[in-house]
Amino acid sequence: MSIDTATAAKVAKLARIRVEEDELPALAQEFNTILGFIEQLNEVDVEGIEPMVSVTPMRLKRRDDVVTDGNQQDKVLANAPDAREGFFAVPKVVE
């Protein structure tokens, strides 16, 4: 597939990028270069290769999915600028 200047102008308009008329041939050439790289990737045989999430194999740590009350009220309220009776205290905003 080859991109001409008219197609490059249309893509630039859709992307909301202002491209001067004399810069369109260079833009079209860049698009063609990108498409060339994509065509090279299509030539690679990836049959039987699983997709990777990371370059290093790792497994996510898992924990039991149990419902608790959190039991961390003191830790949660430790950073509060004003805490009273086990709750966040906030200034009154409605009279």
C-alpha atoms as a PDB file:
ATOM      1  CA  MET A   1       0.000   0.000   0.000  1.00  0.00           C
ATOM      2  CA  SER A   2       1.291   3.412  -0.899  1.00  0.00           C
ATOM      3  CA  ILE A   3       0.203   6.745   0.557  1.00  0.00           C
ATOM      4  CA  ASP A   4      -0.001   9.691  -1.826  1.00  0.00           C
ATOM      5  CA  THR A   5      -0.103  13.377  -0.913  1.00  0.00           C
ATOM      6  CA  ALA A   6      -3.923  13.518  -1.096  1.00  0.00           C
ATOM      7  CA  THR A   7      -4.232  10.685   1.421  1.00  0.00           C
ATOM      8  CA  ALA A   8      -1.584  12.297   3.638  1.00  0.00           C
ATOM      9  CA  ALA A   9      -3.571  15.549   3.558  1.00  0.00           C
ATOM     10  CA  LYS A  10      -6.755  13.680   4.513  1.00  0.00           C
ATOM     11  CA  VAL A  11      -5.020  11.907   7.409  1.00  0.00           C
ATOM     12  CA  ALA A  12      -3.572  15.210   8.631  1.00  0.00           C
ATOM     13  CA  LYS A  13      -7.027  16.795   8.498  1.00  0.00           C
ATOM     14  CA  LEU A  14      -8.591  13.891  10.415  1.00  0.00           C
ATOM     15  CA  ALA A  15      -5.821  14.163  13.020  1.00  0.00           C
ATOM     16  CA  ARG A  16      -6.380  17.922  13.230  1.00  0.00           C
ATOM     17  CA  ILE A  17      -2.774  18.597  12.244  1.00  0.00           C
ATOM     18  CA  ARG A  18      -2.044  21.596  10.058  1.00  0.00           C
ATOM     19  CA  VAL A  19       0.394  20.610   7.327  1.00  0.00           C
ATOM     20  CA  GLU A  20       1.514  23.083   4.708  1.00  0.00           C
ATOM     21  CA  GLU A  21       1.102  22.078   1.062  1.00  0.00           C
ATOM     22  CA  ASP A  22       4.875  21.880   0.481  1.00  0.00           C
ATOM     23  CA  GLU A  23       5.293  19.523   3.485  1.00  0.00           C
ATOM     24  CA  LEU A  24       2.767  16.944   2.250  1.00  0.00           C
ATOM     25  CA  PRO A  25       5.229  14.911   0.118  1.00  0.00           C
ATOM     26  CA  ALA A  26       7.543  14.466   3.121  1.00  0.00           C
ATOM     27  CA  LEU A  27       4.596  13.439   5.307  1.00  0.00           C
ATOM     28  CA  ALA A  28       3.440  10.935   2.705  1.00  0.00           C
ATOM     29  CA  GLN A  29       6.968   9.497   2.586  1.00  0.00           C
ATOM     30  CA  GLU A  30       6.982   9.128   6.399  1.00  0.00           C
ATOM     31  CA  PHE A  31       3.654   7.291   6.242  1.00  0.00           C
ATOM     32  CA  ASN A  32       5.055   4.989   3.571  1.00  0.00           C
ATOM     33  CA  THR A  33       8.113   4.278   5.717  1.00  0.00           C
ATOM     34  CA  ILE A  34       5.886   3.396   8.683  1.00  0.00           C
ATOM     35  CA  LEU A  35       3.769   1.109   6.510  1.00  0.00           C
ATOM     36  CA  GLY A  36       6.978  -0.542   5.276  1.00  0.00           C
ATOM     37  CA  PHE A  37       7.964  -1.350   8.853  1.00  0.00           C
ATOM     38  CA  ILE A  38       4.509  -2.815   9.474  1.00  0.00           C
ATOM     39  CA  GLU A  39       4.839  -4.989   6.378  1.00  0.00           C
ATOM     40  CA  GLN A  40       8.182  -6.265   7.716  1.00  0.00           C
ATOM     41  CA  LEU A  41       6.486  -7.217  10.989  1.00  0.00           C
ATOM     42  CA  ASN A  42       3.829  -9.142   9.063  1.00  0.00           C
ATOM     43  CA  GLU A  43       6.591 -11.321   7.587  1.00  0.00           C
ATOM     44  CA  VAL A  44       7.706 -12.585  11.014  1.00  0.00           C
ATOM     45  CA  ASP A  45       6.461 -16.076  11.873  1.00  0.00           C
ATOM     46  CA  VAL A  46       4.818 -15.907  15.307  1.00  0.00           C
ATOM     47  CA  GLU A  47       2.964 -19.220  15.121  1.00  0.00           C
ATOM     48  CA  GLY A  48       2.831 -20.862  18.547  1.00  0.00           C
ATOM     49  CA  ILE A  49       4.299 -17.888  20.416  1.00  0.00           C
ATOM     50  CA  GLU A  50       2.217 -16.602  23.299  1.00  0.00           C
ATOM     51  CA  PRO A  51       1.780 -12.843  23.774  1.00  0.00           C
ATOM     52  CA  MET A  52       3.973 -11.287  26.446  1.00  0.00           C
ATOM     53  CA  VAL A  53       2.939  -8.926  29.209  1.00  0.00           C
ATOM     54  CA  SER A  54       6.489  -8.199  30.298  1.00  0.00           C
ATOM     55  CA  VAL A  55      10.018  -9.033  29.174  1.00  0.00           C
ATOM     56  CA  THR A  56      10.568 -10.905  32.423  1.00  0.00           C
ATOM     57  CA  PRO A  57       8.340 -13.813  33.329  1.00  0.00           C
ATOM     58  CA  MET A  58       6.392 -13.071  36.467  1.00  0.00           C
ATOM     59  CA  ARG A  59       3.271 -14.200  38.207  1.00  0.00           C
ATOM     60  CA  LEU A  60       1.008 -11.851  40.100  1.00  0.00           C
ATOM     61  CA  LYS A  61       0.787 -12.386  43.820  1.00  0.00           C
ATOM     62  CA  ARG A  62      -2.585 -13.641  44.865  1.00  0.00           C
ATOM     63  CA  ARG A  63      -4.437 -13.516  48.145  1.00  0.00           C
ATOM     64  CA  ASP A  64      -7.649 -15.016  49.394  1.00  0.00           C
ATOM     65  CA  ASP A  65     -10.705 -12.999  48.453  1.00  0.00           C
ATOM     66  CA  VAL A  66     -12.362 -12.576  51.822  1.00  0.00           C
ATOM     67  CA  VAL A  67     -14.568  -9.803  53.143  1.00  0.00           C
ATOM     68  CA  THR A  68     -13.225  -8.043  56.231  1.00  0.00           C
ATOM     69  CA  ASP A  69     -13.984  -4.820  58.046  1.00  0.00           C
ATOM     70  CA  GLY A  70     -10.497  -3.577  57.193  1.00  0.00           C
ATOM     71  CA  ASN A  71      -9.472  -3.403  60.832  1.00  0.00           C
ATOM     72  CA  GLN A  72      -7.175  -0.434  60.064  1.00  0.00           C
ATOM     73  CA  GLN A  73      -9.150   2.527  61.363  1.00  0.00           C
ATOM     74  CA  ASP A  74      -6.171   3.941  63.272  1.00  0.00           C
ATOM     75  CA  LYS A  75      -3.907   3.767  60.203  1.00  0.00           C
ATOM     76  CA  VAL A  76      -6.537   5.380  57.978  1.00  0.00           C
ATOM     77  CA  LEU A  77      -7.180   8.241  60.376  1.00  0.00           C
ATOM     78  CA  ALA A  78      -3.469   8.800  61.131  1.00  0.00           C
ATOM     79  CA  ASN A  79      -3.075  11.170  58.163  1.00  0.00           C
ATOM     80  CA  ALA A  80      -6.328  13.035  58.705  1.00  0.00           C
ATOM     81  CA  PRO A  81      -5.889  16.695  59.644  1.00  0.00           C
ATOM     82  CA  ASP A  82      -8.827  16.398  62.038  1.00  0.00           C
ATOM     83  CA  ALA A  83     -10.325  13.125  63.264  1.00  0.00           C
ATOM     84  CA  ARG A  84     -12.907  12.806  66.024  1.00  0.00           C
ATOM     85  CA  GLU A  85     -14.606   9.763  67.523  1.00  0.00           C
ATOM     86  CA  GLY A  86     -13.166   7.481  64.835  1.00  0.00           C
ATOM     87  CA  PHE A  87     -14.317   9.599  61.879  1.00  0.00           C
ATOM     88  CA  PHE A  88     -12.911  12.278  59.573  1.00  0.00           C
ATOM     89  CA  ALA A  89     -13.918  15.718  60.823  1.00  0.00           C
ATOM     90  CA  VAL A  90     -14.647  18.270  58.111  1.00  0.00           C
ATOM     91  CA  PRO A  91     -15.755  21.879  58.331  1.00  0.00           C
ATOM     92  CA  LYS A  92     -19.423  22.661  57.891  1.00  0.00           C
ATOM     93  CA  VAL A  93     -20.109  23.850  54.328  1.00  0.00           C
ATOM     94  CA  VAL A  94     -23.899  24.231  54.364  1.00  0.00           C
ATOM     95  CA  GLU A  95     -25.771  26.385  56.852  1.00  0.00           C
END
